[in-house]
Protein backbone atom coordinates (compact mmCIF):
# COMPACT_ATOMS: atom_id res chain seq x y z
CA UNK A 1 -11.09 -20.34 -12.68
CA UNK A 2 -12.23 -23.30 -12.42
CA UNK A 3 -10.76 -25.12 -15.61
CA UNK A 4 -13.89 -27.19 -16.41
CA UNK A 5 -13.49 -28.18 -20.30
CA UNK A 6 -16.08 -28.98 -23.14
CA UNK A 7 -16.79 -32.49 -22.10
CA UNK A 8 -17.22 -31.82 -17.67
CA UNK A 9 -19.69 -28.94 -18.94
CA UNK A 10 -21.61 -31.75 -20.80
CA UNK A 11 -21.33 -34.56 -18.49
CA UNK A 12 -22.80 -31.76 -15.93
CA UNK A 13 -25.43 -30.85 -18.00
CA UNK A 14 -26.79 -34.24 -18.80
CA UNK A 15 -26.60 -35.05 -14.81
CA UNK A 16 -28.37 -31.77 -14.26
CA UNK A 17 -31.11 -32.38 -17.16
CA UNK A 18 -31.31 -36.22 -15.71
CA UNK A 19 -32.21 -34.87 -11.59
CA UNK A 20 -33.55 -31.92 -12.44
CA UNK A 21 -36.12 -32.87 -15.55
CA UNK A 22 -36.67 -31.26 -18.79
CA UNK A 23 -39.52 -29.03 -17.42
CA UNK A 24 -37.76 -27.52 -14.83
CA UNK A 25 -34.36 -26.63 -16.10
CA UNK A 26 -34.53 -23.80 -17.93
CA UNK A 27 -35.90 -22.27 -15.00
CA UNK A 28 -33.04 -23.37 -12.71
CA UNK A 29 -30.53 -22.01 -14.95
CA UNK A 30 -32.20 -18.48 -15.72
CA UNK A 31 -32.28 -18.05 -11.58
CA UNK A 32 -28.41 -19.60 -11.99
CA UNK A 33 -28.14 -16.57 -13.98
CA UNK A 34 -29.39 -14.17 -12.46
CA UNK A 35 -27.80 -14.96 -8.84
CA UNK A 36 -24.28 -15.29 -10.90
CA UNK A 37 -25.60 -11.88 -12.42
CA UNK A 38 -26.16 -9.80 -8.71
CA UNK A 39 -22.58 -11.99 -7.86
CA UNK A 40 -20.46 -10.16 -10.35
CA UNK A 41 -21.95 -6.72 -9.73
CA UNK A 42 -21.66 -7.01 -6.24
CA UNK A 43 -18.15 -7.84 -6.31
CA UNK A 44 -17.57 -5.39 -9.49
CA UNK A 45 -19.16 -2.58 -6.78
CA UNK A 46 -16.64 -3.21 -3.80
CA UNK A 47 -13.59 -3.27 -6.45
CA UNK A 48 -14.65 0.36 -7.75
CA UNK A 49 -14.96 1.35 -3.47
CA UNK A 50 -11.52 0.18 -3.03
CA UNK A 51 -9.81 1.76 -5.65
CA UNK A 52 -11.85 4.77 -5.26
CA UNK A 53 -10.47 4.99 -1.84
CA UNK A 54 -7.14 4.26 -2.91
CA UNK A 55 -7.44 6.76 -4.88
CA UNK A 56 -8.23 9.15 -2.23
CA UNK A 57 -5.26 8.38 -0.07
CA UNK A 58 -2.80 8.79 -2.93
CA UNK A 59 -4.48 11.69 -3.36
CA UNK A 60 -3.16 13.17 -0.19
CA UNK A 61 0.16 13.94 -1.26
CA UNK A 62 0.34 16.45 1.96
CA UNK A 63 0.99 14.15 4.25
CA UNK A 64 3.92 12.06 2.19
CA UNK A 65 6.29 14.80 3.39
CA UNK A 66 5.43 14.50 6.99
CA UNK A 67 5.81 11.34 6.77
CA UNK A 68 9.09 11.24 5.38
CA UNK A 69 10.18 13.92 8.20
CA UNK A 70 8.83 12.06 10.84
CA UNK A 71 10.68 8.45 9.37
CA UNK A 72 13.81 10.40 8.92
CA UNK A 73 13.74 12.43 12.84
CA UNK A 74 12.43 8.69 13.74
CA UNK A 75 15.63 6.92 12.47
CA UNK A 76 18.34 5.10 15.03
CA UNK A 77 22.01 4.81 14.19
CA UNK A 78 22.84 1.59 16.03
CA UNK A 79 26.66 0.80 16.94
CA UNK A 80 28.37 -1.56 18.60
CA UNK A 81 30.86 -1.45 21.08
CA UNK A 82 34.08 -3.97 21.32
CA UNK A 83 32.25 -6.18 23.00
CA UNK A 84 29.69 -6.88 20.61
CA UNK A 85 27.07 -4.76 22.44
CA UNK A 86 24.48 -2.23 21.15
CA UNK A 87 25.02 1.27 22.27
CA UNK A 88 22.22 3.72 22.78
CA UNK A 89 22.09 5.99 20.05
CA UNK A 90 23.34 9.48 20.11
CA UNK A 91 21.42 12.25 20.74
CA UNK A 92 21.22 14.39 17.19
CA UNK A 93 22.78 17.48 18.77
CA UNK A 94 25.93 15.60 20.39
CA UNK A 95 26.51 13.65 17.11
CA UNK A 96 26.62 17.68 15.55
CA UNK A 97 29.32 18.48 17.87
CA UNK A 98 31.62 15.42 17.63
CA UNK A 99 31.49 16.26 13.24
CA UNK A 100 32.56 19.68 14.15
CA UNK A 101 35.23 17.73 16.62
CA UNK A 102 36.36 15.48 14.22
CA UNK A 103 36.47 17.75 11.27
CA UNK A 104 38.82 19.86 13.15
CA UNK A 105 40.94 17.89 14.59
C-alpha cells in the first residue's frame, strides 16, 4: 500500500529513535500498534456491514421481476420523420392495431 522497503523503514526507525529517545520508543510503538489495530477492526466492521446489506438486498428477489416489468412498460421507441425530427412515441394499443393491420395487408 505505501510501498516502504527495508531501508526506508530502517531510516524511519533511526530518526524516531533519535527524536523520541530509547526510553519512550517502546511505549510509543505499543500505542501506535493499538491505534492501528482499532482502525483495522473498525474498517473490517464497516466492510462486514456493507456486505451484509448488499446480501440482504440481493436476497429480496421479489423486487427484480417488478423492476423488470416497469422497465418494459416505460421503454420508448423513438421514430424519426423524413426531416430527422423525433416523433412522439406511439401508444401500445395503436402499435398492436398497426401490427395486425400490416400483417393482414
